[in-house]
Amino acid sequence: MGKIKYLFRIYVKLCRSRFSVFGKLKLGLRFCGISVLFILFGILISFLGTQKIQAADSDVVINEVMFDPVGTDTGLEWVELYNPSTEQAVLSNFDLYAVGSYYTFGSFSLDPGAFVVVHINSSGLNTATDLYQGASGNMSNTSGTVALFNSATHSGSTIIDFFRYGSTATTWQSAAVTAGIWTIGNYIPVTSEDDSIGRLPNGQDTNLPSDWTNFANPTIGQDNSTIIDVPPPVEYPQDP
């Protein structure tokens, strides 16, 4: 704001000086008009220089999911998000759906190339890499969906990523189809207990089950780089 006031004062002085030198309204107005263009250009450059470029919210993806840890599941399930872009992504007030409930992000940003893990049905101290949903139910071991929304309003216009494992769960599938990020009937097969399902490579997003693979050694909060077991993707044009 201080820069704008400074530039405006210079503008006024220049206009007055031109009026006094030329003594003609026409010349004065012409000069002032040109100077306005320069001042507006300077304001624009100054404004842009203070802005921090941010990634589009749709760049952030659900990158890996653990829904069936070995033994008791409570507190050991998680959903990993990843920012594959080169700019920071602001996730403030986003909603992550899992287990029939939502985790709402507070004031939170995800750096380029960074991961954040949302721990389901678990409590802890939130950090830049780990967030805790608190008390909720556990994820199904046979079929479920995970959805990421850029708003507290949940619809086909606010859903930005979607994941479905097993063939029976359908929550938010229609919204994902409406958004063009999923095909109805598609799902990722469920495999062994204590395996996770993740994208390979990180952020791979063609909106098909083939983006996903099975990890016998989950890579929570890290690169998905090692394939241990790869089940065949299942793609159907519609639900039975």
Protein backbone atom coordinates (compact mmCIF):
# COMPACT_ATOMS: atom_id res chain seq x y z
CA MET A 1 0.00 0.00 0.00
CA GLY A 2 2.90 2.35 0.74
CA LYS A 3 4.31 1.83 -2.75
CA ILE A 4 0.98 2.75 -4.34
CA LYS A 5 0.75 6.01 -2.35
CA TYR A 6 4.34 6.87 -3.26
CA LEU A 7 3.73 6.31 -6.98
CA PHE A 8 0.53 8.34 -6.84
CA ARG A 9 2.33 11.32 -5.27
CA ILE A 10 4.93 11.20 -8.04
CA TYR A 11 2.13 11.09 -10.60
CA VAL A 12 0.45 14.21 -9.18
CA LYS A 13 3.73 16.14 -9.07
CA LEU A 14 4.57 15.26 -12.66
CA CYS A 15 1.12 16.26 -13.89
CA ARG A 16 1.34 19.62 -12.11
CA SER A 17 4.81 20.29 -13.42
CA ARG A 18 3.73 19.59 -16.97
CA PHE A 19 0.77 21.94 -16.64
CA SER A 20 3.08 24.71 -15.46
CA VAL A 21 5.67 24.15 -18.21
CA PHE A 22 3.38 23.73 -21.16
CA GLY A 23 0.54 25.82 -19.89
CA LYS A 24 -1.78 23.85 -22.09
CA LEU A 25 -4.50 21.51 -20.90
CA LYS A 26 -4.21 19.23 -23.92
CA LEU A 27 -0.51 18.52 -23.46
CA GLY A 28 -0.93 18.12 -19.73
CA LEU A 29 -3.69 15.58 -20.11
CA ARG A 30 -1.73 13.66 -22.71
CA PHE A 31 1.30 13.43 -20.45
CA CYS A 32 -0.81 12.47 -17.45
CA GLY A 33 -2.52 9.76 -19.46
CA ILE A 34 0.83 8.24 -20.42
CA SER A 35 2.10 8.50 -16.88
CA VAL A 36 -1.00 6.71 -15.60
CA LEU A 37 -0.12 3.74 -17.79
CA PHE A 38 3.39 3.59 -16.35
CA ILE A 39 2.09 3.90 -12.81
CA LEU A 40 -0.50 1.16 -13.31
CA PHE A 41 2.20 -1.05 -14.78
CA GLY A 42 4.42 -0.39 -11.76
CA ILE A 43 1.57 -1.21 -9.37
CA LEU A 44 0.90 -4.46 -11.21
CA ILE A 45 4.56 -5.53 -11.07
CA SER A 46 4.74 -4.60 -7.39
CA PHE A 47 1.59 -6.61 -6.64
CA LEU A 48 2.71 -9.68 -8.54
CA GLY A 49 6.06 -9.58 -6.83
CA THR A 50 4.40 -10.03 -3.44
CA GLN A 51 2.17 -12.92 -4.43
CA LYS A 52 3.09 -16.53 -3.70
CA ILE A 53 2.26 -18.86 -6.54
CA GLN A 54 0.15 -21.80 -5.43
CA ALA A 55 -0.71 -25.11 -7.03
CA ALA A 56 -4.24 -25.75 -8.18
CA ASP A 57 -6.09 -27.69 -5.50
CA SER A 58 -6.82 -30.43 -8.04
CA ASP A 59 -3.08 -31.25 -8.18
CA VAL A 60 -3.16 -32.92 -4.76
CA VAL A 61 -3.92 -36.65 -4.91
CA ILE A 62 -4.75 -39.54 -2.62
CA ASN A 63 -1.44 -41.37 -3.01
CA GLU A 64 -1.51 -44.41 -0.73
CA VAL A 65 -4.04 -46.03 1.60
CA MET A 66 -3.68 -48.52 4.45
CA PHE A 67 -7.11 -49.93 5.34
CA ASP A 68 -6.25 -53.39 6.73
CA PRO A 69 -3.19 -53.40 8.99
CA VAL A 70 -2.20 -56.66 10.62
CA GLY A 71 -4.07 -57.47 13.82
CA THR A 72 -6.20 -54.78 15.42
CA ASP A 73 -6.88 -51.98 12.94
CA THR A 74 -7.72 -49.18 15.38
CA GLY A 75 -5.19 -46.36 15.18
CA LEU A 76 -3.13 -48.03 12.45
CA GLU A 77 -5.10 -47.09 9.32
CA TRP A 78 -4.07 -44.09 7.27
CA VAL A 79 -4.50 -42.14 4.04
CA GLU A 80 -1.50 -40.47 2.42
CA LEU A 81 -1.83 -37.36 0.25
CA TYR A 82 0.82 -36.12 -2.16
CA ASN A 83 1.49 -32.85 -3.98
CA PRO A 84 3.06 -33.74 -7.35
CA SER A 85 3.22 -30.14 -8.54
CA THR A 86 6.10 -27.67 -8.31
CA GLU A 87 4.09 -25.19 -6.23
CA GLN A 88 2.71 -25.17 -2.71
CA ALA A 89 -0.88 -26.39 -2.37
CA VAL A 90 -3.21 -24.85 0.21
CA LEU A 91 -5.55 -27.46 1.73
CA SER A 92 -7.21 -25.23 4.31
CA ASN A 93 -10.83 -26.30 4.91
CA PHE A 94 -10.55 -29.33 2.62
CA ASP A 95 -12.48 -32.45 3.65
CA LEU A 96 -11.12 -36.00 3.41
CA TYR A 97 -13.78 -38.71 3.46
CA ALA A 98 -13.11 -42.18 4.83
CA VAL A 99 -15.00 -44.56 7.12
CA GLY A 100 -18.27 -42.68 6.73
CA SER A 101 -16.82 -39.55 8.34
CA TYR A 102 -14.63 -36.61 7.37
CA TYR A 103 -11.33 -35.15 8.40
CA THR A 104 -11.41 -31.36 7.93
CA PHE A 105 -8.08 -29.67 7.31
CA GLY A 106 -7.44 -26.55 9.32
CA SER A 107 -4.91 -23.99 8.12
CA PHE A 108 -2.62 -26.30 6.20
CA SER A 109 -0.33 -26.16 3.15
CA LEU A 110 1.48 -28.99 1.39
CA ASP A 111 4.84 -28.19 -0.15
CA PRO A 112 5.73 -29.31 -3.68
CA GLY A 113 6.74 -32.97 -3.76
CA ALA A 114 5.64 -33.43 -0.14
CA PHE A 115 3.47 -36.05 1.55
CA VAL A 116 1.05 -35.76 4.46
CA VAL A 117 -0.49 -38.75 6.23
CA VAL A 118 -3.96 -38.54 7.77
CA HIS A 119 -4.21 -41.14 10.54
CA ILE A 120 -7.71 -42.62 10.72
CA ASN A 121 -9.41 -43.20 14.09
CA SER A 122 -6.27 -42.01 15.85
CA SER A 123 -5.24 -39.09 18.04
CA GLY A 124 -1.92 -37.30 18.17
CA LEU A 125 -0.10 -34.02 17.64
CA ASN A 126 -0.65 -32.63 14.16
CA THR A 127 2.53 -31.77 12.24
CA ALA A 128 3.49 -30.87 8.68
CA THR A 129 3.70 -34.58 7.83
CA ASP A 130 1.14 -36.26 10.10
CA LEU A 131 -2.46 -35.31 10.86
CA TYR A 132 -4.87 -37.14 13.16
CA GLN A 133 -8.59 -37.60 12.56
CA GLY A 134 -9.44 -38.40 16.16
CA ALA A 135 -12.08 -40.93 17.18
CA SER A 136 -14.02 -42.47 14.32
CA GLY A 137 -14.82 -45.90 13.00
CA ASN A 138 -12.31 -48.17 11.28
CA MET A 139 -12.09 -48.59 7.52
CA SER A 140 -13.63 -51.69 5.97
CA ASN A 141 -11.19 -54.49 5.18
CA THR A 142 -13.19 -55.65 2.16
CA SER A 143 -14.43 -52.58 0.30
CA GLY A 144 -14.46 -48.83 0.81
CA THR A 145 -13.99 -45.42 -0.74
CA VAL A 146 -11.80 -42.42 0.02
CA ALA A 147 -12.61 -38.99 -1.39
CA LEU A 148 -10.94 -35.58 -1.20
CA PHE A 149 -13.04 -32.40 -1.42
CA ASN A 150 -11.85 -28.81 -1.71
CA SER A 151 -14.81 -27.58 0.32
CA ALA A 152 -17.07 -28.45 3.24
CA THR A 153 -19.76 -28.82 0.58
CA HIS A 154 -19.53 -32.27 -0.95
CA SER A 155 -20.59 -32.74 -4.56
CA GLY A 156 -19.40 -33.51 -8.06
CA SER A 157 -18.13 -29.94 -8.35
CA THR A 158 -15.98 -30.05 -5.20
CA ILE A 159 -14.56 -33.58 -5.27
CA ILE A 160 -10.98 -33.50 -6.59
CA ASP A 161 -9.79 -37.08 -6.05
CA PHE A 162 -11.35 -40.47 -5.41
CA PHE A 163 -10.23 -44.00 -4.55
CA ARG A 164 -12.30 -47.19 -4.40
CA TYR A 165 -11.09 -50.57 -3.18
CA GLY A 166 -13.23 -53.68 -3.39
CA SER A 167 -16.36 -53.95 -5.48
CA THR A 168 -19.24 -53.18 -3.13
CA ALA A 169 -18.65 -49.70 -1.64
CA THR A 170 -20.07 -46.85 -3.72
CA THR A 171 -20.09 -43.75 -1.47
CA TRP A 172 -19.16 -40.66 -3.53
CA GLN A 173 -18.57 -42.78 -6.64
CA SER A 174 -21.34 -40.93 -8.53
CA ALA A 175 -19.81 -37.56 -7.60
CA ALA A 176 -16.41 -38.73 -8.85
CA VAL A 177 -17.98 -39.89 -12.12
CA THR A 178 -19.70 -36.51 -12.49
CA ALA A 179 -16.35 -34.78 -11.93
CA GLY A 180 -14.75 -36.94 -14.62
CA ILE A 181 -12.19 -38.44 -12.25
CA TRP A 182 -13.59 -41.98 -12.08
CA THR A 183 -15.46 -44.50 -14.21
CA ILE A 184 -18.47 -46.15 -12.61
CA GLY A 185 -17.79 -49.74 -11.67
CA ASN A 186 -14.00 -49.41 -11.51
CA TYR A 187 -12.22 -50.49 -8.33
CA ILE A 188 -8.84 -51.67 -7.06
CA PRO A 189 -8.81 -55.31 -5.85
CA VAL A 190 -8.23 -56.03 -2.17
CA THR A 191 -5.25 -58.25 -1.44
CA SER A 192 -3.44 -59.35 1.72
CA GLU A 193 -3.72 -58.05 5.27
CA ASP A 194 -1.10 -55.41 6.11
CA ASP A 195 -0.63 -54.46 2.45
CA SER A 196 -1.28 -50.91 1.29
CA ILE A 197 -2.51 -49.75 -2.10
CA GLY A 198 -0.74 -46.80 -3.69
CA ARG A 199 -0.04 -44.96 -6.89
CA LEU A 200 3.04 -45.89 -8.87
CA PRO A 201 4.80 -43.68 -9.61
CA ASN A 202 3.80 -41.08 -7.01
CA GLY A 203 0.98 -38.91 -8.27
CA GLN A 204 0.28 -41.09 -11.32
CA ASP A 205 -3.27 -39.96 -12.14
CA THR A 206 -5.05 -41.14 -15.27
CA ASN A 207 -8.22 -41.80 -13.24
CA LEU A 208 -7.93 -45.54 -13.84
CA PRO A 209 -7.32 -48.51 -11.51
CA SER A 210 -4.06 -49.09 -13.38
CA ASP A 211 -2.65 -46.03 -11.55
CA TRP A 212 -2.64 -48.15 -8.40
CA THR A 213 -0.63 -51.11 -7.21
CA ASN A 214 -0.28 -53.24 -4.10
CA PHE A 215 2.58 -52.72 -1.62
CA ALA A 216 3.50 -55.62 0.66
CA ASN A 217 5.87 -53.14 2.31
CA PRO A 218 3.83 -49.94 2.76
CA THR A 219 5.70 -46.68 2.10
CA ILE A 220 3.88 -44.37 4.50
CA GLY A 221 4.96 -40.75 3.99
CA GLN A 222 7.59 -41.77 1.42
CA ASP A 223 8.06 -42.42 -2.28
CA ASN A 224 6.12 -45.34 -3.71
CA SER A 225 9.13 -46.93 -5.36
CA THR A 226 9.16 -50.66 -4.66
CA ILE A 227 6.71 -53.10 -6.22
CA ILE A 228 6.30 -56.27 -4.19
CA ASP A 229 3.01 -57.61 -5.47
CA VAL A 230 0.93 -56.25 -8.33
CA PRO A 231 -2.67 -57.49 -8.59
CA PRO A 232 -4.39 -57.07 -11.95
CA PRO A 233 -6.55 -53.92 -12.14
CA VAL A 234 -10.27 -54.42 -12.56
CA GLU A 235 -12.23 -52.16 -14.89
CA TYR A 236 -15.93 -52.58 -15.55
CA PRO A 237 -18.20 -50.30 -17.57
CA GLN A 238 -20.87 -50.43 -14.87
CA ASP A 239 -21.75 -52.00 -11.56
CA PRO A 240 -23.52 -55.36 -11.66
